[in-house]
């Protein structure tokens, strides 16, 4: 991007329900496509590029993601962010931005990413909560899920917890934290709902890895597999997923650290 020497790091949040993921795709509504359209309007030209710290799948939301803007000239950040937010739809918001050096690499300089998967069980919740909360029918053994979640901590081979098609020769990823949390969510009708969250933090993740990890924890909660099955899968050379992946709408890219 040497012809665009002004580099900026921006943080962003969005509700992914209406979008086909981050990456721009012909004929589809995406976060990147919507951003670029608004940037062209605010800047008045197309002499810029944006690069994300990570691409989210269709339906996945973001609490604090990050992307880099490469531009031909200096930008007044406060004015730019205000104008962009005025023209973005209500389900996308720029949080903040800063100038970064030319040697900053938004992919390689990531220290950690945190994902959270929100779900509930028992009585079906109010439909207004469905934007980033998944409902699982029946009761789950949450204590067993909590014990199994801890198994993922450390460096492991996640070939049985990623998309089937080959994407890398290296399936080893390091997980710093992995736990099941619970809290109460206030609903639109004034009632509250017990909500659960699978929180996982690591250096980086394979395609669909978090949704497949959560899928295995869900099957532990249902009594279909055990914690020992997950431990064995992390040592296996098989490539078939241990469990199915959970729906996208419960997943949130919660934070990116540099």
C-alpha atoms as a PDB file:
ATOM      1  CA  UNK A   1       0.000   0.000   0.000  1.00  0.00           C
ATOM      2  CA  UNK A   2       2.973   2.302  -0.599  1.00  0.00           C
ATOM      3  CA  UNK A   3       0.868   4.597  -2.815  1.00  0.00           C
ATOM      4  CA  UNK A   4      -1.412   5.159   0.215  1.00  0.00           C
ATOM      5  CA  UNK A   5       1.058   6.187   2.940  1.00  0.00           C
ATOM      6  CA  UNK A   6      -1.449   7.252   5.617  1.00  0.00           C
ATOM      7  CA  UNK A   7      -2.492   4.262   7.705  1.00  0.00           C
ATOM      8  CA  UNK A   8      -5.222   4.209  10.353  1.00  0.00           C
ATOM      9  CA  UNK A   9      -6.461   1.563  12.774  1.00  0.00           C
ATOM     10  CA  UNK A  10     -10.198   1.624  13.459  1.00  0.00           C
ATOM     11  CA  UNK A  11     -12.341  -0.324  15.898  1.00  0.00           C
ATOM     12  CA  UNK A  12     -15.845  -1.313  14.872  1.00  0.00           C
ATOM     13  CA  UNK A  13     -18.956  -3.057  16.172  1.00  0.00           C
ATOM     14  CA  UNK A  14     -21.934  -4.454  14.300  1.00  0.00           C
ATOM     15  CA  UNK A  15     -24.946  -6.748  14.493  1.00  0.00           C
ATOM     16  CA  UNK A  16     -24.345  -9.364  11.835  1.00  0.00           C
ATOM     17  CA  UNK A  17     -27.921 -10.610  11.458  1.00  0.00           C
ATOM     18  CA  UNK A  18     -28.613  -8.819   8.135  1.00  0.00           C
ATOM     19  CA  UNK A  19     -25.173  -9.349   6.584  1.00  0.00           C
ATOM     20  CA  UNK A  20     -23.369 -12.093   4.693  1.00  0.00           C
ATOM     21  CA  UNK A  21     -20.257 -11.718   6.823  1.00  0.00           C
ATOM     22  CA  UNK A  22     -17.406  -9.233   6.650  1.00  0.00           C
ATOM     23  CA  UNK A  23     -15.850  -9.885   3.237  1.00  0.00           C
ATOM     24  CA  UNK A  24     -17.192  -8.035   0.215  1.00  0.00           C
ATOM     25  CA  UNK A  25     -19.066 -10.351  -2.185  1.00  0.00           C
ATOM     26  CA  UNK A  26     -20.798  -9.474  -5.467  1.00  0.00           C
ATOM     27  CA  UNK A  27     -24.541  -9.038  -5.065  1.00  0.00           C
ATOM     28  CA  UNK A  28     -24.531  -9.639  -1.298  1.00  0.00           C
ATOM     29  CA  UNK A  29     -24.849  -7.244   1.635  1.00  0.00           C
ATOM     30  CA  UNK A  30     -21.615  -7.389   3.685  1.00  0.00           C
ATOM     31  CA  UNK A  31     -19.949  -5.276   6.371  1.00  0.00           C
ATOM     32  CA  UNK A  32     -16.941  -4.461   4.178  1.00  0.00           C
ATOM     33  CA  UNK A  33     -19.164  -3.553   1.240  1.00  0.00           C
ATOM     34  CA  UNK A  34     -21.291  -1.227   3.364  1.00  0.00           C
ATOM     35  CA  UNK A  35     -18.209   0.428   4.901  1.00  0.00           C
ATOM     36  CA  UNK A  36     -16.548   1.025   1.544  1.00  0.00           C
ATOM     37  CA  UNK A  37     -19.735   2.551   0.137  1.00  0.00           C
ATOM     38  CA  UNK A  38     -19.953   5.021   3.035  1.00  0.00           C
ATOM     39  CA  UNK A  39     -16.209   5.768   2.894  1.00  0.00           C
ATOM     40  CA  UNK A  40     -16.487   6.644  -0.800  1.00  0.00           C
ATOM     41  CA  UNK A  41     -19.278   9.071   0.018  1.00  0.00           C
ATOM     42  CA  UNK A  42     -17.539  10.710   3.005  1.00  0.00           C
ATOM     43  CA  UNK A  43     -14.082  10.909   1.386  1.00  0.00           C
ATOM     44  CA  UNK A  44     -15.386  11.815  -2.042  1.00  0.00           C
ATOM     45  CA  UNK A  45     -13.122   9.367  -3.878  1.00  0.00           C
ATOM     46  CA  UNK A  46     -12.022   5.717  -4.069  1.00  0.00           C
ATOM     47  CA  UNK A  47      -8.312   6.157  -3.318  1.00  0.00           C
ATOM     48  CA  UNK A  48      -8.330   3.964  -0.208  1.00  0.00           C
ATOM     49  CA  UNK A  49      -8.197   0.329   0.872  1.00  0.00           C
ATOM     50  CA  UNK A  50      -9.397  -1.416   4.011  1.00  0.00           C
ATOM     51  CA  UNK A  51      -8.083  -4.627   5.563  1.00  0.00           C
ATOM     52  CA  UNK A  52      -9.714  -6.426   8.481  1.00  0.00           C
ATOM     53  CA  UNK A  53      -8.021  -8.153  11.416  1.00  0.00           C
ATOM     54  CA  UNK A  54     -10.352 -11.095  10.764  1.00  0.00           C
ATOM     55  CA  UNK A  55     -13.350 -11.992   8.631  1.00  0.00           C
ATOM     56  CA  UNK A  56     -16.603 -12.924  10.351  1.00  0.00           C
ATOM     57  CA  UNK A  57     -19.047 -15.382   8.793  1.00  0.00           C
ATOM     58  CA  UNK A  58     -22.585 -14.617   7.676  1.00  0.00           C
ATOM     59  CA  UNK A  59     -24.771 -13.763  10.680  1.00  0.00           C
ATOM     60  CA  UNK A  60     -21.866 -13.331  13.117  1.00  0.00           C
ATOM     61  CA  UNK A  61     -21.777 -10.096  15.141  1.00  0.00           C
ATOM     62  CA  UNK A  62     -18.892  -8.018  16.460  1.00  0.00           C
ATOM     63  CA  UNK A  63     -18.484  -6.129  19.729  1.00  0.00           C
ATOM     64  CA  UNK A  64     -15.006  -4.699  19.131  1.00  0.00           C
ATOM     65  CA  UNK A  65     -13.365  -5.731  15.893  1.00  0.00           C
ATOM     66  CA  UNK A  66     -10.628  -3.918  14.006  1.00  0.00           C
ATOM     67  CA  UNK A  67      -9.651  -2.946  10.486  1.00  0.00           C
ATOM     68  CA  UNK A  68      -6.942  -0.875   8.836  1.00  0.00           C
ATOM     69  CA  UNK A  69      -7.576   2.006   6.433  1.00  0.00           C
ATOM     70  CA  UNK A  70      -4.899   2.902   3.871  1.00  0.00           C
ATOM     71  CA  UNK A  71      -5.413   6.430   2.530  1.00  0.00           C
ATOM     72  CA  UNK A  72      -3.674   8.886   0.202  1.00  0.00           C
ATOM     73  CA  UNK A  73      -3.770  11.811   2.643  1.00  0.00           C
ATOM     74  CA  UNK A  74      -4.192  12.695   6.307  1.00  0.00           C
ATOM     75  CA  UNK A  75      -7.654  12.371   7.876  1.00  0.00           C
ATOM     76  CA  UNK A  76      -9.289  14.384  10.641  1.00  0.00           C
ATOM     77  CA  UNK A  77     -10.269  11.363  12.722  1.00  0.00           C
ATOM     78  CA  UNK A  78     -13.003  12.877  14.874  1.00  0.00           C
ATOM     79  CA  UNK A  79     -14.762  14.468  11.914  1.00  0.00           C
ATOM     80  CA  UNK A  80     -14.334  11.341   9.773  1.00  0.00           C
ATOM     81  CA  UNK A  81     -15.766   8.984  12.419  1.00  0.00           C
ATOM     82  CA  UNK A  82     -18.732  11.300  13.040  1.00  0.00           C
ATOM     83  CA  UNK A  83     -19.553  11.558   9.339  1.00  0.00           C
ATOM     84  CA  UNK A  84     -19.177   7.822   8.773  1.00  0.00           C
ATOM     85  CA  UNK A  85     -21.442   6.974  11.715  1.00  0.00           C
ATOM     86  CA  UNK A  86     -24.063   9.442  10.480  1.00  0.00           C
ATOM     87  CA  UNK A  87     -24.203   7.578   7.154  1.00  0.00           C
ATOM     88  CA  UNK A  88     -23.876   3.985   8.339  1.00  0.00           C
ATOM     89  CA  UNK A  89     -27.019   1.954   9.140  1.00  0.00           C
ATOM     90  CA  UNK A  90     -27.969   1.622  12.808  1.00  0.00           C
ATOM     91  CA  UNK A  91     -26.482  -1.878  13.085  1.00  0.00           C
ATOM     92  CA  UNK A  92     -22.889  -0.770  12.290  1.00  0.00           C
ATOM     93  CA  UNK A  93     -20.844   1.723  14.321  1.00  0.00           C
ATOM     94  CA  UNK A  94     -17.257   2.964  14.273  1.00  0.00           C
ATOM     95  CA  UNK A  95     -15.911   3.206  17.817  1.00  0.00           C
ATOM     96  CA  UNK A  96     -12.561   4.948  17.552  1.00  0.00           C
ATOM     97  CA  UNK A  97      -9.498   5.272  15.357  1.00  0.00           C
ATOM     98  CA  UNK A  98      -5.839   6.238  15.425  1.00  0.00           C
ATOM     99  CA  UNK A  99      -2.912   6.775  13.072  1.00  0.00           C
ATOM    100  CA  UNK A 100      -0.469   3.836  13.006  1.00  0.00           C
ATOM    101  CA  UNK A 101       2.992   3.426  11.523  1.00  0.00           C
ATOM    102  CA  UNK A 102       3.550   1.936   8.080  1.00  0.00           C
ATOM    103  CA  UNK A 103       5.141  -1.170   9.590  1.00  0.00           C
ATOM    104  CA  UNK A 104       1.965  -1.996  11.560  1.00  0.00           C
ATOM    105  CA  UNK A 105       0.454  -5.272  10.307  1.00  0.00           C
ATOM    106  CA  UNK A 106      -3.158  -5.817  11.306  1.00  0.00           C
ATOM    107  CA  UNK A 107      -2.887  -9.570  10.717  1.00  0.00           C
ATOM    108  CA  UNK A 108       0.519 -10.416  12.185  1.00  0.00           C
ATOM    109  CA  UNK A 109       0.417  -7.926  15.076  1.00  0.00           C
ATOM    110  CA  UNK A 110      -2.660  -9.477  16.697  1.00  0.00           C
ATOM    111  CA  UNK A 111      -1.848 -10.638  20.246  1.00  0.00           C
ATOM    112  CA  UNK A 112      -5.212 -12.255  20.946  1.00  0.00           C
ATOM    113  CA  UNK A 113      -8.797 -12.510  19.750  1.00  0.00           C
ATOM    114  CA  UNK A 114     -11.740 -13.178  22.013  1.00  0.00           C
ATOM    115  CA  UNK A 115     -14.983 -14.736  20.830  1.00  0.00           C
ATOM    116  CA  UNK A 116     -18.180 -15.185  22.819  1.00  0.00           C
ATOM    117  CA  UNK A 117     -21.026 -17.511  21.951  1.00  0.00           C
ATOM    118  CA  UNK A 118     -24.329 -16.580  23.626  1.00  0.00           C
ATOM    119  CA  UNK A 119     -27.059 -19.170  24.154  1.00  0.00           C
ATOM    120  CA  UNK A 120     -30.003 -20.133  26.333  1.00  0.00           C
ATOM    121  CA  UNK A 121     -31.917 -23.287  27.152  1.00  0.00           C
ATOM    122  CA  UNK A 122     -35.177 -24.214  28.853  1.00  0.00           C
ATOM    123  CA  UNK A 123     -38.157 -22.026  27.929  1.00  0.00           C
ATOM    124  CA  UNK A 124     -37.833 -20.344  24.542  1.00  0.00           C
ATOM    125  CA  UNK A 125     -36.918 -16.667  24.857  1.00  0.00           C
ATOM    126  CA  UNK A 126     -38.573 -13.518  23.497  1.00  0.00           C
ATOM    127  CA  UNK A 127     -37.949 -13.244  19.702  1.00  0.00           C
ATOM    128  CA  UNK A 128     -36.430  -9.776  20.159  1.00  0.00           C
ATOM    129  CA  UNK A 129     -33.400 -11.439  21.805  1.00  0.00           C
ATOM    130  CA  UNK A 130     -32.630 -13.579  18.762  1.00  0.00           C
ATOM    131  CA  UNK A 131     -30.141 -11.167  17.165  1.00  0.00           C
ATOM    132  CA  UNK A 132     -27.129 -12.659  18.900  1.00  0.00           C
ATOM    133  CA  UNK A 133     -28.570 -15.352  21.147  1.00  0.00           C
ATOM    134  CA  UNK A 134     -29.165 -18.971  20.133  1.00  0.00           C
ATOM    135  CA  UNK A 135     -31.814 -21.177  21.720  1.00  0.00           C
ATOM    136  CA  UNK A 136     -31.075 -24.857  22.366  1.00  0.00           C
ATOM    137  CA  UNK A 137     -34.074 -27.086  23.058  1.00  0.00           C
ATOM    138  CA  UNK A 138     -34.100 -29.033  26.317  1.00  0.00           C
ATOM    139  CA  UNK A 139     -31.979 -28.844  29.433  1.00  0.00           C
ATOM    140  CA  UNK A 140     -28.172 -28.915  29.330  1.00  0.00           C
ATOM    141  CA  UNK A 141     -25.673 -30.151  31.891  1.00  0.00           C
ATOM    142  CA  UNK A 142     -23.899 -26.805  32.270  1.00  0.00           C
ATOM    143  CA  UNK A 143     -21.443 -28.100  34.894  1.00  0.00           C
ATOM    144  CA  UNK A 144     -20.211 -30.798  32.488  1.00  0.00           C
ATOM    145  CA  UNK A 145     -19.901 -28.163  29.758  1.00  0.00           C
ATOM    146  CA  UNK A 146     -17.822 -25.957  32.059  1.00  0.00           C
ATOM    147  CA  UNK A 147     -15.468 -28.845  32.833  1.00  0.00           C
ATOM    148  CA  UNK A 148     -15.145 -29.731  29.149  1.00  0.00           C
ATOM    149  CA  UNK A 149     -14.482 -26.108  28.116  1.00  0.00           C
ATOM    150  CA  UNK A 150     -11.313 -26.077  30.217  1.00  0.00           C
ATOM    151  CA  UNK A 151      -9.894 -28.937  28.117  1.00  0.00           C
ATOM    152  CA  UNK A 152      -9.330 -26.555  25.195  1.00  0.00           C
ATOM    153  CA  UNK A 153      -6.857 -24.358  27.100  1.00  0.00           C
ATOM    154  CA  UNK A 154      -3.293 -24.762  25.823  1.00  0.00           C
ATOM    155  CA  UNK A 155      -1.801 -25.526  22.410  1.00  0.00           C
ATOM    156  CA  UNK A 156      -3.602 -28.305  20.554  1.00  0.00           C
ATOM    157  CA  UNK A 157      -4.219 -29.735  17.095  1.00  0.00           C
ATOM    158  CA  UNK A 158      -7.692 -28.514  16.104  1.00  0.00           C
ATOM    159  CA  UNK A 159      -8.087 -30.426  12.836  1.00  0.00           C
ATOM    160  CA  UNK A 160     -11.341 -31.943  14.162  1.00  0.00           C
ATOM    161  CA  UNK A 161     -12.634 -28.487  15.100  1.00  0.00           C
ATOM    162  CA  UNK A 162     -12.469 -26.600  11.806  1.00  0.00           C
ATOM    163  CA  UNK A 163     -14.132 -26.502   8.380  1.00  0.00           C
ATOM    164  CA  UNK A 164     -13.760 -29.744   6.416  1.00  0.00           C
ATOM    165  CA  UNK A 165     -11.999 -28.378   3.335  1.00  0.00           C
ATOM    166  CA  UNK A 166      -8.237 -28.059   3.652  1.00  0.00           C
ATOM    167  CA  UNK A 167      -7.246 -24.538   4.614  1.00  0.00           C
ATOM    168  CA  UNK A 168      -3.865 -25.009   6.255  1.00  0.00           C
ATOM    169  CA  UNK A 169      -1.108 -27.521   6.840  1.00  0.00           C
ATOM    170  CA  UNK A 170      -0.903 -26.324  10.421  1.00  0.00           C
ATOM    171  CA  UNK A 171      -3.906 -27.055  12.627  1.00  0.00           C
ATOM    172  CA  UNK A 172      -2.178 -26.172  15.883  1.00  0.00           C
ATOM    173  CA  UNK A 173      -3.629 -23.186  17.721  1.00  0.00           C
ATOM    174  CA  UNK A 174      -3.066 -21.842  21.221  1.00  0.00           C
ATOM    175  CA  UNK A 175      -6.051 -21.146  23.454  1.00  0.00           C
ATOM    176  CA  UNK A 176      -5.424 -18.831  26.420  1.00  0.00           C
ATOM    177  CA  UNK A 177      -8.848 -18.959  28.078  1.00  0.00           C
ATOM    178  CA  UNK A 178     -11.941 -21.131  27.599  1.00  0.00           C
ATOM    179  CA  UNK A 179     -14.941 -21.045  29.928  1.00  0.00           C
ATOM    180  CA  UNK A 180     -18.726 -21.085  30.219  1.00  0.00           C
ATOM    181  CA  UNK A 181     -20.213 -18.007  31.911  1.00  0.00           C
ATOM    182  CA  UNK A 182     -23.781 -17.236  32.942  1.00  0.00           C
ATOM    183  CA  UNK A 183     -25.749 -14.055  33.633  1.00  0.00           C
ATOM    184  CA  UNK A 184     -29.249 -12.600  33.329  1.00  0.00           C
ATOM    185  CA  UNK A 185     -30.503 -10.767  30.239  1.00  0.00           C
ATOM    186  CA  UNK A 186     -33.284  -8.162  30.523  1.00  0.00           C
ATOM    187  CA  UNK A 187     -35.863  -8.766  27.775  1.00  0.00           C
ATOM    188  CA  UNK A 188     -38.140  -6.357  25.902  1.00  0.00           C
ATOM    189  CA  UNK A 189     -41.199  -7.366  27.952  1.00  0.00           C
ATOM    190  CA  UNK A 190     -39.456  -6.498  31.229  1.00  0.00           C
ATOM    191  CA  UNK A 191     -38.698 -10.078  32.217  1.00  0.00           C
ATOM    192  CA  UNK A 192     -35.211 -11.538  32.618  1.00  0.00           C
ATOM    193  CA  UNK A 193     -33.644 -14.610  31.067  1.00  0.00           C
ATOM    194  CA  UNK A 194     -30.764 -16.757  32.270  1.00  0.00           C
ATOM    195  CA  UNK A 195     -28.191 -16.491  29.510  1.00  0.00           C
ATOM    196  CA  UNK A 196     -25.039 -18.529  29.021  1.00  0.00           C
ATOM    197  CA  UNK A 197     -21.879 -17.576  27.201  1.00  0.00           C
ATOM    198  CA  UNK A 198     -18.978 -19.638  25.927  1.00  0.00           C
ATOM    199  CA  UNK A 199     -15.964 -17.319  26.130  1.00  0.00           C
ATOM    200  CA  UNK A 200     -12.783 -18.333  24.312  1.00  0.00           C
ATOM    201  CA  UNK A 201      -9.588 -16.343  23.791  1.00  0.00           C
ATOM    202  CA  UNK A 202      -6.619 -17.308  21.651  1.00  0.00           C
ATOM    203  CA  UNK A 203      -3.896 -16.117  19.321  1.00  0.00           C
ATOM    204  CA  UNK A 204      -5.906 -17.062  16.251  1.00  0.00           C
ATOM    205  CA  UNK A 205      -8.596 -19.453  15.046  1.00  0.00           C
ATOM    206  CA  UNK A 206      -9.267 -21.730  12.093  1.00  0.00           C
ATOM    207  CA  UNK A 207     -12.383 -21.378   9.954  1.00  0.00           C
ATOM    208  CA  UNK A 208     -15.514 -22.261  11.974  1.00  0.00           C
ATOM    209  CA  UNK A 209     -13.306 -23.352  14.887  1.00  0.00           C
ATOM    210  CA  UNK A 210     -15.255 -21.572  17.633  1.00  0.00           C
ATOM    211  CA  UNK A 211     -18.629 -22.776  16.344  1.00  0.00           C
ATOM    212  CA  UNK A 212     -17.339 -26.359  16.201  1.00  0.00           C
ATOM    213  CA  UNK A 213     -15.789 -26.119  19.669  1.00  0.00           C
ATOM    214  CA  UNK A 214     -19.117 -24.841  20.958  1.00  0.00           C
ATOM    215  CA  UNK A 215     -20.851 -27.638  19.057  1.00  0.00           C
ATOM    216  CA  UNK A 216     -18.827 -30.224  20.951  1.00  0.00           C
ATOM    217  CA  UNK A 217     -19.600 -28.511  24.274  1.00  0.00           C
ATOM    218  CA  UNK A 218     -23.286 -28.563  23.370  1.00  0.00           C
ATOM    219  CA  UNK A 219     -23.100 -32.333  22.811  1.00  0.00           C
ATOM    220  CA  UNK A 220     -21.374 -32.712  26.177  1.00  0.00           C
ATOM    221  CA  UNK A 221     -24.274 -30.801  27.733  1.00  0.00           C
ATOM    222  CA  UNK A 222     -26.731 -33.153  26.031  1.00  0.00           C
ATOM    223  CA  UNK A 223     -24.831 -36.248  27.178  1.00  0.00           C
ATOM    224  CA  UNK A 224     -23.972 -37.314  23.602  1.00  0.00           C
ATOM    225  CA  UNK A 225     -20.190 -37.104  24.099  1.00  0.00           C
ATOM    226  CA  UNK A 226     -17.921 -36.622  27.124  1.00  0.00           C
ATOM    227  CA  UNK A 227     -15.014 -34.442  28.131  1.00  0.00           C
ATOM    228  CA  UNK A 228     -12.767 -37.446  27.411  1.00  0.00           C
ATOM    229  CA  UNK A 229     -14.034 -37.507  23.808  1.00  0.00           C
ATOM    230  CA  UNK A 230     -12.885 -33.923  23.346  1.00  0.00           C
ATOM    231  CA  UNK A 231      -9.501 -34.713  24.886  1.00  0.00           C
ATOM    232  CA  UNK A 232      -9.099 -37.635  22.488  1.00  0.00           C
ATOM    233  CA  UNK A 233     -10.181 -35.538  19.485  1.00  0.00           C
ATOM    234  CA  UNK A 234      -7.447 -32.993  20.229  1.00  0.00           C
ATOM    235  CA  UNK A 235      -4.891 -35.813  19.841  1.00  0.00           C
ATOM    236  CA  UNK A 236      -6.503 -37.409  16.783  1.00  0.00           C
ATOM    237  CA  UNK A 237      -5.243 -37.331  13.206  1.00  0.00           C
ATOM    238  CA  UNK A 238      -8.755 -37.739  11.811  1.00  0.00           C
ATOM    239  CA  UNK A 239     -10.125 -34.811   9.828  1.00  0.00           C
ATOM    240  CA  UNK A 240     -13.873 -35.291  10.312  1.00  0.00           C
ATOM    241  CA  UNK A 241     -15.413 -32.819  12.806  1.00  0.00           C
ATOM    242  CA  UNK A 242     -16.115 -34.269  16.243  1.00  0.00           C
ATOM    243  CA  UNK A 243     -19.509 -32.536  16.337  1.00  0.00           C
ATOM    244  CA  UNK A 244     -21.646 -30.278  14.182  1.00  0.00           C
ATOM    245  CA  UNK A 245     -21.238 -26.509  14.294  1.00  0.00           C
ATOM    246  CA  UNK A 246     -23.734 -24.335  16.122  1.00  0.00           C
ATOM    247  CA  UNK A 247     -25.727 -21.545  14.373  1.00  0.00           C
ATOM    248  CA  UNK A 248     -23.831 -18.369  13.496  1.00  0.00           C
ATOM    249  CA  UNK A 249     -26.121 -15.826  15.151  1.00  0.00           C
ATOM    250  CA  UNK A 250     -24.984 -16.647  18.704  1.00  0.00           C
ATOM    251  CA  UNK A 251     -21.351 -15.857  17.870  1.00  0.00           C
ATOM    252  CA  UNK A 252     -19.742 -12.487  18.588  1.00  0.00           C
ATOM    253  CA  UNK A 253     -16.184 -11.387  17.843  1.00  0.00           C
ATOM    254  CA  UNK A 254     -15.797  -9.722  21.227  1.00  0.00           C
ATOM    255  CA  UNK A 255     -12.340  -8.152  21.139  1.00  0.00           C
ATOM    256  CA  UNK A 256      -9.057  -7.942  19.221  1.00  0.00           C
ATOM    257  CA  UNK A 257      -5.819  -7.092  21.022  1.00  0.00           C
ATOM    258  CA  UNK A 258      -2.623  -5.797  19.392  1.00  0.00           C
END
